[in-house]
């Protein structure tokens, strides 16, 4: 393990083969049907993994994601197995480092599409709208302003890129070509349903979910399964509702704070990424933690 200032940048589990080290997650092989996913404290911005971890970020992401996995089970099955980490990892020092940030999941075939849902006009969607009045081929009403709530949530998928590459926004027809019409429709409809229900829940707790991305896989029976992470500050834009206003880029509980800092630097947005000041890391950790506390306030875990 590689802890830095109480943060975990990278794992090294000796008892399991490493399958992949992604931008944030380390994935290990357990057997033919199961994998171990460890959410580290790594942070990526502009598709570059930054050299400094954010303390306890992985624990926040795992806690929030597991909450949403449980809450959306009535909509779609997910990849969680319920198998305890202690049943897989026997080394006590490894267990201590992995606690709170690890899940045992089913092995599934991931779909080559990121299912993005937007409820507000921000980010690349705002840029597209300014140029063309469309977002991913969807025509929107004239006169909308930055960060304005859309008349209804829209589904704007993208292709999934390898580490270091950029995801590419595509229109819905492109996903039909990739997945087939029936599966593409199912992914779109489920994504919108999850987002709409989650956004309503979060708003009651003072958080606007401006947009989010979902990932899906299919099992041996071609059942659609929700995978990866769900509605976290890494996969979503979370805004505090009490300070939200249109025509500006709202304050954020997600890593937009880090992106804004990086925009002030003379950096070409290519690897290696710049080191982050302690204050930026501390403030980022606090924003992630506040998002968790707001969302899960009063929630009883089983």
C-alpha atoms as a PDB file:
ATOM      1  CA  UNK A   1       0.000   0.000   0.000  1.00  0.00           C
ATOM      2  CA  UNK A   2       1.089   3.596  -0.573  1.00  0.00           C
ATOM      3  CA  UNK A   3      -0.546   5.893   2.007  1.00  0.00           C
ATOM      4  CA  UNK A   4       0.346   9.577   1.760  1.00  0.00           C
ATOM      5  CA  UNK A   5      -0.755  11.854   4.614  1.00  0.00           C
ATOM      6  CA  UNK A   6      -3.511   9.400   5.602  1.00  0.00           C
ATOM      7  CA  UNK A   7      -4.478   9.048   1.941  1.00  0.00           C
ATOM      8  CA  UNK A   8      -4.199   5.979  -0.261  1.00  0.00           C
ATOM      9  CA  UNK A   9      -2.710   6.642  -3.682  1.00  0.00           C
ATOM     10  CA  UNK A  10      -2.160   3.091  -4.872  1.00  0.00           C
ATOM     11  CA  UNK A  11      -2.806  -0.436  -3.615  1.00  0.00           C
ATOM     12  CA  UNK A  12      -0.705  -3.565  -3.714  1.00  0.00           C
ATOM     13  CA  UNK A  13      -2.682  -6.626  -2.660  1.00  0.00           C
ATOM     14  CA  UNK A  14      -0.271  -9.530  -2.746  1.00  0.00           C
ATOM     15  CA  UNK A  15      -2.881 -12.268  -2.499  1.00  0.00           C
ATOM     16  CA  UNK A  16      -4.858 -11.234  -5.610  1.00  0.00           C
ATOM     17  CA  UNK A  17      -3.829 -10.609  -9.251  1.00  0.00           C
ATOM     18  CA  UNK A  18      -4.201  -6.990 -10.393  1.00  0.00           C
ATOM     19  CA  UNK A  19      -6.531  -6.682 -13.389  1.00  0.00           C
ATOM     20  CA  UNK A  20      -6.414  -2.950 -13.943  1.00  0.00           C
ATOM     21  CA  UNK A  21      -5.385   0.329 -12.354  1.00  0.00           C
ATOM     22  CA  UNK A  22      -7.743   3.056 -13.541  1.00  0.00           C
ATOM     23  CA  UNK A  23      -7.945   6.768 -12.873  1.00  0.00           C
ATOM     24  CA  UNK A  24      -9.308   6.158  -9.384  1.00  0.00           C
ATOM     25  CA  UNK A  25      -9.987   2.437  -8.925  1.00  0.00           C
ATOM     26  CA  UNK A  26      -7.684  -0.565  -8.583  1.00  0.00           C
ATOM     27  CA  UNK A  27      -9.372  -3.797  -9.693  1.00  0.00           C
ATOM     28  CA  UNK A  28      -8.262  -7.263  -8.587  1.00  0.00           C
ATOM     29  CA  UNK A  29      -9.261 -10.721  -9.752  1.00  0.00           C
ATOM     30  CA  UNK A  30     -10.905 -13.034  -7.202  1.00  0.00           C
ATOM     31  CA  UNK A  31     -12.297 -15.905  -9.293  1.00  0.00           C
ATOM     32  CA  UNK A  32     -14.253 -16.568 -12.492  1.00  0.00           C
ATOM     33  CA  UNK A  33     -17.290 -14.694 -11.199  1.00  0.00           C
ATOM     34  CA  UNK A  34     -15.992 -11.996  -8.860  1.00  0.00           C
ATOM     35  CA  UNK A  35     -13.637  -9.013  -8.699  1.00  0.00           C
ATOM     36  CA  UNK A  36     -12.470  -6.704  -5.930  1.00  0.00           C
ATOM     37  CA  UNK A  37     -12.743  -2.981  -6.642  1.00  0.00           C
ATOM     38  CA  UNK A  38     -10.750  -0.620  -4.429  1.00  0.00           C
ATOM     39  CA  UNK A  39     -11.510   3.094  -4.671  1.00  0.00           C
ATOM     40  CA  UNK A  40      -8.267   4.920  -3.944  1.00  0.00           C
ATOM     41  CA  UNK A  41      -7.814   8.597  -3.123  1.00  0.00           C
ATOM     42  CA  UNK A  42      -6.371   9.360  -6.552  1.00  0.00           C
ATOM     43  CA  UNK A  43      -7.824  12.361  -8.349  1.00  0.00           C
ATOM     44  CA  UNK A  44      -8.025  12.888 -12.094  1.00  0.00           C
ATOM     45  CA  UNK A  45      -8.733  16.158 -13.869  1.00  0.00           C
ATOM     46  CA  UNK A  46      -8.915  16.758 -17.602  1.00  0.00           C
ATOM     47  CA  UNK A  47      -8.340  12.989 -17.945  1.00  0.00           C
ATOM     48  CA  UNK A  48      -4.940  13.224 -16.223  1.00  0.00           C
ATOM     49  CA  UNK A  49      -4.245  11.444 -12.934  1.00  0.00           C
ATOM     50  CA  UNK A  50      -2.808  14.031 -10.559  1.00  0.00           C
ATOM     51  CA  UNK A  51       0.190  13.144  -8.365  1.00  0.00           C
ATOM     52  CA  UNK A  52      -1.421  13.991  -5.017  1.00  0.00           C
ATOM     53  CA  UNK A  53      -4.256  12.002  -3.399  1.00  0.00           C
ATOM     54  CA  UNK A  54      -7.219  13.576  -1.604  1.00  0.00           C
ATOM     55  CA  UNK A  55      -7.470  12.107   1.926  1.00  0.00           C
ATOM     56  CA  UNK A  56     -10.445   9.740   2.421  1.00  0.00           C
ATOM     57  CA  UNK A  57     -11.890  10.584  -0.989  1.00  0.00           C
ATOM     58  CA  UNK A  58     -12.186   6.892  -1.847  1.00  0.00           C
ATOM     59  CA  UNK A  59     -14.096   6.175   1.352  1.00  0.00           C
ATOM     60  CA  UNK A  60     -16.545   8.993   0.608  1.00  0.00           C
ATOM     61  CA  UNK A  61     -17.073   7.777  -2.955  1.00  0.00           C
ATOM     62  CA  UNK A  62     -17.631   4.191  -1.843  1.00  0.00           C
ATOM     63  CA  UNK A  63     -20.060   5.179   0.918  1.00  0.00           C
ATOM     64  CA  UNK A  64     -22.107   7.442  -1.341  1.00  0.00           C
ATOM     65  CA  UNK A  65     -22.092   4.981  -4.228  1.00  0.00           C
ATOM     66  CA  UNK A  66     -23.169   2.059  -2.046  1.00  0.00           C
ATOM     67  CA  UNK A  67     -26.043   4.162  -0.719  1.00  0.00           C
ATOM     68  CA  UNK A  68     -27.280   4.822  -4.261  1.00  0.00           C
ATOM     69  CA  UNK A  69     -26.774   1.198  -5.313  1.00  0.00           C
ATOM     70  CA  UNK A  70     -29.079   0.202  -2.476  1.00  0.00           C
ATOM     71  CA  UNK A  71     -31.600   2.936  -3.198  1.00  0.00           C
ATOM     72  CA  UNK A  72     -31.850   2.122  -6.934  1.00  0.00           C
ATOM     73  CA  UNK A  73     -32.255  -1.650  -6.576  1.00  0.00           C
ATOM     74  CA  UNK A  74     -35.978  -1.242  -7.271  1.00  0.00           C
ATOM     75  CA  UNK A  75     -35.085   0.273 -10.665  1.00  0.00           C
ATOM     76  CA  UNK A  76     -32.200  -1.929 -11.816  1.00  0.00           C
ATOM     77  CA  UNK A  77     -29.956  -4.664 -10.355  1.00  0.00           C
ATOM     78  CA  UNK A  78     -26.343  -3.731  -9.601  1.00  0.00           C
ATOM     79  CA  UNK A  79     -22.990  -5.471  -9.453  1.00  0.00           C
ATOM     80  CA  UNK A  80     -22.656  -5.687  -5.655  1.00  0.00           C
ATOM     81  CA  UNK A  81     -22.458  -9.213  -4.241  1.00  0.00           C
ATOM     82  CA  UNK A  82     -22.747  -8.648  -0.509  1.00  0.00           C
ATOM     83  CA  UNK A  83     -19.556 -10.669   0.030  1.00  0.00           C
ATOM     84  CA  UNK A  84     -17.545  -9.241   2.931  1.00  0.00           C
ATOM     85  CA  UNK A  85     -14.022  -7.986   2.367  1.00  0.00           C
ATOM     86  CA  UNK A  86     -12.864 -10.101   5.317  1.00  0.00           C
ATOM     87  CA  UNK A  87     -13.852 -13.225   3.397  1.00  0.00           C
ATOM     88  CA  UNK A  88     -11.453 -12.298   0.581  1.00  0.00           C
ATOM     89  CA  UNK A  89      -8.515 -10.534   2.245  1.00  0.00           C
ATOM     90  CA  UNK A  90      -6.882 -12.303   5.182  1.00  0.00           C
ATOM     91  CA  UNK A  91      -3.903  -9.995   5.762  1.00  0.00           C
ATOM     92  CA  UNK A  92      -4.794  -7.633   8.624  1.00  0.00           C
ATOM     93  CA  UNK A  93      -2.639  -4.702   7.469  1.00  0.00           C
ATOM     94  CA  UNK A  94      -4.136  -4.912   3.969  1.00  0.00           C
ATOM     95  CA  UNK A  95      -7.625  -5.100   5.451  1.00  0.00           C
ATOM     96  CA  UNK A  96      -7.036  -1.936   7.475  1.00  0.00           C
ATOM     97  CA  UNK A  97      -6.000   0.015   4.383  1.00  0.00           C
ATOM     98  CA  UNK A  98      -8.892  -1.290   2.280  1.00  0.00           C
ATOM     99  CA  UNK A  99     -11.678  -0.850   4.830  1.00  0.00           C
ATOM    100  CA  UNK A 100     -14.521   1.411   3.738  1.00  0.00           C
ATOM    101  CA  UNK A 101     -13.251   1.757   0.188  1.00  0.00           C
ATOM    102  CA  UNK A 102     -13.590  -1.757  -1.255  1.00  0.00           C
ATOM    103  CA  UNK A 103     -16.421  -3.799  -2.766  1.00  0.00           C
ATOM    104  CA  UNK A 104     -16.669  -7.344  -4.087  1.00  0.00           C
ATOM    105  CA  UNK A 105     -18.590  -7.281  -7.371  1.00  0.00           C
ATOM    106  CA  UNK A 106     -19.826  -9.613 -10.069  1.00  0.00           C
ATOM    107  CA  UNK A 107     -17.786  -9.973 -13.240  1.00  0.00           C
ATOM    108  CA  UNK A 108     -19.867  -8.577 -16.098  1.00  0.00           C
ATOM    109  CA  UNK A 109     -19.414  -7.455 -19.672  1.00  0.00           C
ATOM    110  CA  UNK A 110     -19.194  -3.644 -19.555  1.00  0.00           C
ATOM    111  CA  UNK A 111     -21.034  -1.672 -22.226  1.00  0.00           C
ATOM    112  CA  UNK A 112     -18.870   0.656 -24.375  1.00  0.00           C
ATOM    113  CA  UNK A 113     -21.009   3.707 -23.524  1.00  0.00           C
ATOM    114  CA  UNK A 114     -21.060   6.217 -20.696  1.00  0.00           C
ATOM    115  CA  UNK A 115     -24.684   7.074 -19.972  1.00  0.00           C
ATOM    116  CA  UNK A 116     -24.720  10.793 -19.206  1.00  0.00           C
ATOM    117  CA  UNK A 117     -27.830  12.594 -18.011  1.00  0.00           C
ATOM    118  CA  UNK A 118     -27.999  16.376 -17.803  1.00  0.00           C
ATOM    119  CA  UNK A 119     -30.579  18.310 -15.836  1.00  0.00           C
ATOM    120  CA  UNK A 120     -28.829  21.672 -16.067  1.00  0.00           C
ATOM    121  CA  UNK A 121     -26.917  23.483 -18.793  1.00  0.00           C
ATOM    122  CA  UNK A 122     -23.257  23.480 -17.779  1.00  0.00           C
ATOM    123  CA  UNK A 123     -19.839  22.227 -18.856  1.00  0.00           C
ATOM    124  CA  UNK A 124     -19.457  20.831 -22.379  1.00  0.00           C
ATOM    125  CA  UNK A 125     -23.237  20.948 -22.755  1.00  0.00           C
ATOM    126  CA  UNK A 126     -23.213  24.715 -22.223  1.00  0.00           C
ATOM    127  CA  UNK A 127     -20.359  25.059 -24.714  1.00  0.00           C
ATOM    128  CA  UNK A 128     -22.270  23.016 -27.325  1.00  0.00           C
ATOM    129  CA  UNK A 129     -25.429  25.027 -26.746  1.00  0.00           C
ATOM    130  CA  UNK A 130     -23.621  28.344 -27.214  1.00  0.00           C
ATOM    131  CA  UNK A 131     -22.235  27.154 -30.554  1.00  0.00           C
ATOM    132  CA  UNK A 132     -25.277  25.431 -32.002  1.00  0.00           C
ATOM    133  CA  UNK A 133     -28.312  25.563 -29.745  1.00  0.00           C
ATOM    134  CA  UNK A 134     -28.001  21.778 -29.431  1.00  0.00           C
ATOM    135  CA  UNK A 135     -26.455  19.398 -26.899  1.00  0.00           C
ATOM    136  CA  UNK A 136     -25.354  16.065 -28.376  1.00  0.00           C
ATOM    137  CA  UNK A 137     -27.808  16.471 -31.227  1.00  0.00           C
ATOM    138  CA  UNK A 138     -30.714  17.481 -28.964  1.00  0.00           C
ATOM    139  CA  UNK A 139     -32.221  20.874 -29.842  1.00  0.00           C
ATOM    140  CA  UNK A 140     -32.919  23.041 -26.807  1.00  0.00           C
ATOM    141  CA  UNK A 141     -35.069  26.183 -26.444  1.00  0.00           C
ATOM    142  CA  UNK A 142     -33.447  29.506 -27.314  1.00  0.00           C
ATOM    143  CA  UNK A 143     -32.321  31.929 -24.634  1.00  0.00           C
ATOM    144  CA  UNK A 144     -31.164  29.488 -21.970  1.00  0.00           C
ATOM    145  CA  UNK A 145     -28.422  30.710 -19.653  1.00  0.00           C
ATOM    146  CA  UNK A 146     -25.411  29.013 -18.121  1.00  0.00           C
ATOM    147  CA  UNK A 147     -26.355  26.641 -15.269  1.00  0.00           C
ATOM    148  CA  UNK A 148     -30.068  27.008 -16.000  1.00  0.00           C
ATOM    149  CA  UNK A 149     -32.308  24.051 -15.287  1.00  0.00           C
ATOM    150  CA  UNK A 150     -33.398  22.342 -18.483  1.00  0.00           C
ATOM    151  CA  UNK A 151     -37.111  21.959 -19.275  1.00  0.00           C
ATOM    152  CA  UNK A 152     -36.537  18.237 -18.777  1.00  0.00           C
ATOM    153  CA  UNK A 153     -33.502  16.039 -18.186  1.00  0.00           C
ATOM    154  CA  UNK A 154     -31.737  14.908 -21.358  1.00  0.00           C
ATOM    155  CA  UNK A 155     -29.679  11.818 -22.151  1.00  0.00           C
ATOM    156  CA  UNK A 156     -26.354  12.688 -23.789  1.00  0.00           C
ATOM    157  CA  UNK A 157     -24.121   9.598 -24.012  1.00  0.00           C
ATOM    158  CA  UNK A 158     -20.417   9.410 -24.716  1.00  0.00           C
ATOM    159  CA  UNK A 159     -17.969   6.730 -25.730  1.00  0.00           C
ATOM    160  CA  UNK A 160     -15.676   5.333 -23.035  1.00  0.00           C
ATOM    161  CA  UNK A 161     -12.021   6.296 -23.398  1.00  0.00           C
ATOM    162  CA  UNK A 162      -8.910   4.553 -22.148  1.00  0.00           C
ATOM    163  CA  UNK A 163      -6.904   6.179 -19.344  1.00  0.00           C
ATOM    164  CA  UNK A 164      -5.266   9.323 -20.727  1.00  0.00           C
ATOM    165  CA  UNK A 165      -7.710   9.672 -23.627  1.00  0.00           C
ATOM    166  CA  UNK A 166     -10.813  11.820 -23.785  1.00  0.00           C
ATOM    167  CA  UNK A 167     -14.380  10.558 -23.852  1.00  0.00           C
ATOM    168  CA  UNK A 168     -16.256  11.590 -26.997  1.00  0.00           C
ATOM    169  CA  UNK A 169     -19.817  12.885 -26.884  1.00  0.00           C
ATOM    170  CA  UNK A 170     -22.063  11.054 -29.345  1.00  0.00           C
ATOM    171  CA  UNK A 171     -25.722  11.203 -30.301  1.00  0.00           C
ATOM    172  CA  UNK A 172     -28.255   8.545 -29.393  1.00  0.00           C
ATOM    173  CA  UNK A 173     -28.099   6.970 -32.860  1.00  0.00           C
ATOM    174  CA  UNK A 174     -24.437   6.170 -32.275  1.00  0.00           C
ATOM    175  CA  UNK A 175     -25.365   4.165 -29.182  1.00  0.00           C
ATOM    176  CA  UNK A 176     -27.929   2.211 -31.195  1.00  0.00           C
ATOM    177  CA  UNK A 177     -25.121   1.267 -33.584  1.00  0.00           C
ATOM    178  CA  UNK A 178     -22.991   0.143 -30.636  1.00  0.00           C
ATOM    179  CA  UNK A 179     -25.605  -1.624 -28.515  1.00  0.00           C
ATOM    180  CA  UNK A 180     -28.590  -2.365 -30.713  1.00  0.00           C
ATOM    181  CA  UNK A 181     -31.864  -0.468 -30.483  1.00  0.00           C
ATOM    182  CA  UNK A 182     -33.485  -2.397 -27.636  1.00  0.00           C
ATOM    183  CA  UNK A 183     -30.487  -2.200 -25.295  1.00  0.00           C
ATOM    184  CA  UNK A 184     -29.744   1.426 -26.212  1.00  0.00           C
ATOM    185  CA  UNK A 185     -33.337   2.363 -25.344  1.00  0.00           C
ATOM    186  CA  UNK A 186     -33.129   0.475 -22.055  1.00  0.00           C
ATOM    187  CA  UNK A 187     -29.889   2.213 -21.045  1.00  0.00           C
ATOM    188  CA  UNK A 188     -31.347   5.629 -21.871  1.00  0.00           C
ATOM    189  CA  UNK A 189     -34.641   5.032 -20.071  1.00  0.00           C
ATOM    190  CA  UNK A 190     -33.075   3.570 -16.931  1.00  0.00           C
ATOM    191  CA  UNK A 191     -30.489   6.358 -16.775  1.00  0.00           C
ATOM    192  CA  UNK A 192     -33.162   9.054 -16.940  1.00  0.00           C
ATOM    193  CA  UNK A 193     -35.303   7.301 -14.322  1.00  0.00           C
ATOM    194  CA  UNK A 194     -32.411   6.960 -11.868  1.00  0.00           C
ATOM    195  CA  UNK A 195     -31.353  10.572 -12.363  1.00  0.00           C
ATOM    196  CA  UNK A 196     -34.833  12.046 -11.953  1.00  0.00           C
ATOM    197  CA  UNK A 197     -35.523  10.126  -8.743  1.00  0.00           C
ATOM    198  CA  UNK A 198     -32.051  10.815  -7.312  1.00  0.00           C
ATOM    199  CA  UNK A 199     -32.152  14.525  -8.176  1.00  0.00           C
ATOM    200  CA  UNK A 200     -35.445  14.891  -6.317  1.00  0.00           C
ATOM    201  CA  UNK A 201     -34.045  13.073  -3.264  1.00  0.00           C
ATOM    202  CA  UNK A 202     -30.829  15.135  -3.257  1.00  0.00           C
ATOM    203  CA  UNK A 203     -32.657  18.449  -3.632  1.00  0.00           C
ATOM    204  CA  UNK A 204     -34.543  17.737  -0.414  1.00  0.00           C
ATOM    205  CA  UNK A 205     -31.098  17.602   1.233  1.00  0.00           C
ATOM    206  CA  UNK A 206     -29.815  20.823  -0.265  1.00  0.00           C
ATOM    207  CA  UNK A 207     -27.894  19.386  -3.213  1.00  0.00           C
ATOM    208  CA  UNK A 208     -28.593  19.982  -6.899  1.00  0.00           C
ATOM    209  CA  UNK A 209     -27.365  17.126  -9.092  1.00  0.00           C
ATOM    210  CA  UNK A 210     -26.669  19.082 -12.257  1.00  0.00           C
ATOM    211  CA  UNK A 211     -25.573  16.083 -14.300  1.00  0.00           C
ATOM    212  CA  UNK A 212     -24.162  12.620 -13.833  1.00  0.00           C
ATOM    213  CA  UNK A 213     -22.849   9.567 -15.640  1.00  0.00           C
ATOM    214  CA  UNK A 214     -23.756   5.915 -15.251  1.00  0.00           C
ATOM    215  CA  UNK A 215     -22.037   2.794 -16.483  1.00  0.00           C
ATOM    216  CA  UNK A 216     -23.691  -0.525 -17.210  1.00  0.00           C
ATOM    217  CA  UNK A 217     -22.775  -4.110 -17.909  1.00  0.00           C
ATOM    218  CA  UNK A 218     -24.637  -7.231 -18.936  1.00  0.00           C
ATOM    219  CA  UNK A 219     -24.493 -10.673 -17.350  1.00  0.00           C
ATOM    220  CA  UNK A 220     -24.564 -14.126 -18.944  1.00  0.00           C
ATOM    221  CA  UNK A 221     -28.342 -13.796 -19.372  1.00  0.00           C
ATOM    222  CA  UNK A 222     -28.037 -10.386 -21.081  1.00  0.00           C
ATOM    223  CA  UNK A 223     -29.570  -8.708 -18.033  1.00  0.00           C
ATOM    224  CA  UNK A 224     -28.685  -5.018 -17.767  1.00  0.00           C
ATOM    225  CA  UNK A 225     -26.716  -4.302 -14.566  1.00  0.00           C
ATOM    226  CA  UNK A 226     -25.649  -0.991 -13.000  1.00  0.00           C
ATOM    227  CA  UNK A 227     -21.875  -1.004 -12.359  1.00  0.00           C
ATOM    228  CA  UNK A 228     -18.873   1.173 -11.478  1.00  0.00           C
ATOM    229  CA  UNK A 229     -20.025   4.061  -9.258  1.00  0.00           C
ATOM    230  CA  UNK A 230     -23.347   5.868  -8.872  1.00  0.00           C
ATOM    231  CA  UNK A 231     -24.093   9.546  -8.276  1.00  0.00           C
ATOM    232  CA  UNK A 232     -20.868  10.417  -6.496  1.00  0.00           C
ATOM    233  CA  UNK A 233     -19.021  13.753  -6.475  1.00  0.00           C
ATOM    234  CA  UNK A 234     -16.618  12.176  -9.009  1.00  0.00           C
ATOM    235  CA  UNK A 235     -19.279  11.044 -11.483  1.00  0.00           C
ATOM    236  CA  UNK A 236     -21.640  13.999 -11.022  1.00  0.00           C
ATOM    237  CA  UNK A 237     -21.811  17.748 -10.606  1.00  0.00           C
ATOM    238  CA  UNK A 238     -23.155  18.475  -7.121  1.00  0.00           C
ATOM    239  CA  UNK A 239     -24.159  22.081  -6.379  1.00  0.00           C
ATOM    240  CA  UNK A 240     -25.285  23.541  -3.033  1.00  0.00           C
ATOM    241  CA  UNK A 241     -28.909  24.557  -3.563  1.00  0.00           C
ATOM    242  CA  UNK A 242     -28.722  27.458  -1.120  1.00  0.00           C
ATOM    243  CA  UNK A 243     -26.183  29.386  -3.221  1.00  0.00           C
ATOM    244  CA  UNK A 244     -27.296  28.322  -6.713  1.00  0.00           C
ATOM    245  CA  UNK A 245     -27.976  30.984  -9.308  1.00  0.00           C
ATOM    246  CA  UNK A 246     -28.080  30.924 -13.084  1.00  0.00           C
ATOM    247  CA  UNK A 247     -25.817  32.827 -15.495  1.00  0.00           C
ATOM    248  CA  UNK A 248     -22.665  31.749 -13.643  1.00  0.00           C
ATOM    249  CA  UNK A 249     -20.738  28.582 -12.825  1.00  0.00           C
ATOM    250  CA  UNK A 250     -22.105  27.498  -9.428  1.00  0.00           C
ATOM    251  CA  UNK A 251     -20.038  26.480  -6.432  1.00  0.00           C
ATOM    252  CA  UNK A 252     -19.507  22.777  -6.379  1.00  0.00           C
ATOM    253  CA  UNK A 253     -19.053  19.786  -4.085  1.00  0.00           C
ATOM    254  CA  UNK A 254     -17.218  17.879  -6.797  1.00  0.00           C
ATOM    255  CA  UNK A 255     -13.747  18.181  -8.288  1.00  0.00           C
ATOM    256  CA  UNK A 256     -14.681  21.323 -10.217  1.00  0.00           C
ATOM    257  CA  UNK A 257     -12.881  23.158  -7.405  1.00  0.00           C
ATOM    258  CA  UNK A 258      -9.653  21.430  -8.455  1.00  0.00           C
ATOM    259  CA  UNK A 259     -10.326  22.073 -12.155  1.00  0.00           C
ATOM    260  CA  UNK A 260     -10.800  25.771 -11.411  1.00  0.00           C
ATOM    261  CA  UNK A 261      -7.479  25.858  -9.576  1.00  0.00           C
ATOM    262  CA  UNK A 262      -5.711  24.050 -12.417  1.00  0.00           C
ATOM    263  CA  UNK A 263      -7.093  26.562 -14.917  1.00  0.00           C
ATOM    264  CA  UNK A 264      -5.048  29.258 -13.138  1.00  0.00           C
ATOM    265  CA  UNK A 265      -1.787  27.384 -13.863  1.00  0.00           C
ATOM    266  CA  UNK A 266       0.421  27.336 -16.914  1.00  0.00           C
ATOM    267  CA  UNK A 267      -0.286  23.660 -17.617  1.00  0.00           C
ATOM    268  CA  UNK A 268      -1.091  22.064 -20.979  1.00  0.00           C
ATOM    269  CA  UNK A 269      -3.513  19.527 -19.431  1.00  0.00           C
ATOM    270  CA  UNK A 270      -1.249  16.655 -20.364  1.00  0.00           C
ATOM    271  CA  UNK A 271       0.515  14.167 -18.102  1.00  0.00           C
ATOM    272  CA  UNK A 272       2.234  14.553 -15.784  1.00  0.00           C
ATOM    273  CA  UNK A 273      -0.194  16.675 -13.819  1.00  0.00           C
ATOM    274  CA  UNK A 274       0.992  19.415 -11.455  1.00  0.00           C
ATOM    275  CA  UNK A 275       1.291  18.902  -7.713  1.00  0.00           C
ATOM    276  CA  UNK A 276      -1.547  20.340  -5.665  1.00  0.00           C
ATOM    277  CA  UNK A 277      -1.024  22.640  -2.664  1.00  0.00           C
ATOM    278  CA  UNK A 278      -2.010  21.233   0.738  1.00  0.00           C
ATOM    279  CA  UNK A 279      -4.769  23.831   1.021  1.00  0.00           C
ATOM    280  CA  UNK A 280      -6.351  22.700  -2.270  1.00  0.00           C
ATOM    281  CA  UNK A 281      -6.218  19.056  -1.154  1.00  0.00           C
ATOM    282  CA  UNK A 282      -7.702  19.903   2.244  1.00  0.00           C
ATOM    283  CA  UNK A 283     -10.510  21.998   0.754  1.00  0.00           C
ATOM    284  CA  UNK A 284     -11.287  19.333  -1.842  1.00  0.00           C
ATOM    285  CA  UNK A 285     -11.518  16.649   0.850  1.00  0.00           C
ATOM    286  CA  UNK A 286     -13.874  18.883   2.842  1.00  0.00           C
ATOM    287  CA  UNK A 287     -16.145  19.392  -0.175  1.00  0.00           C
ATOM    288  CA  UNK A 288     -16.407  15.649  -0.810  1.00  0.00           C
ATOM    289  CA  UNK A 289     -17.141  15.029   2.867  1.00  0.00           C
ATOM    290  CA  UNK A 290     -19.822  17.716   2.999  1.00  0.00           C
ATOM    291  CA  UNK A 291     -21.566  16.200  -0.020  1.00  0.00           C
ATOM    292  CA  UNK A 292     -21.665  12.839   1.775  1.00  0.00           C
ATOM    293  CA  UNK A 293     -22.949  14.373   5.004  1.00  0.00           C
ATOM    294  CA  UNK A 294     -25.727  16.302   3.266  1.00  0.00           C
ATOM    295  CA  UNK A 295     -26.874  13.376   1.157  1.00  0.00           C
ATOM    296  CA  UNK A 296     -26.830  10.775   3.892  1.00  0.00           C
ATOM    297  CA  UNK A 297     -28.103  12.883   6.782  1.00  0.00           C
ATOM    298  CA  UNK A 298     -30.586  10.800   8.714  1.00  0.00           C
ATOM    299  CA  UNK A 299     -30.141   7.731   6.502  1.00  0.00           C
ATOM    300  CA  UNK A 300     -30.212   4.478   8.437  1.00  0.00           C
ATOM    301  CA  UNK A 301     -27.818   1.845   7.102  1.00  0.00           C
ATOM    302  CA  UNK A 302     -28.674  -1.805   7.463  1.00  0.00           C
END
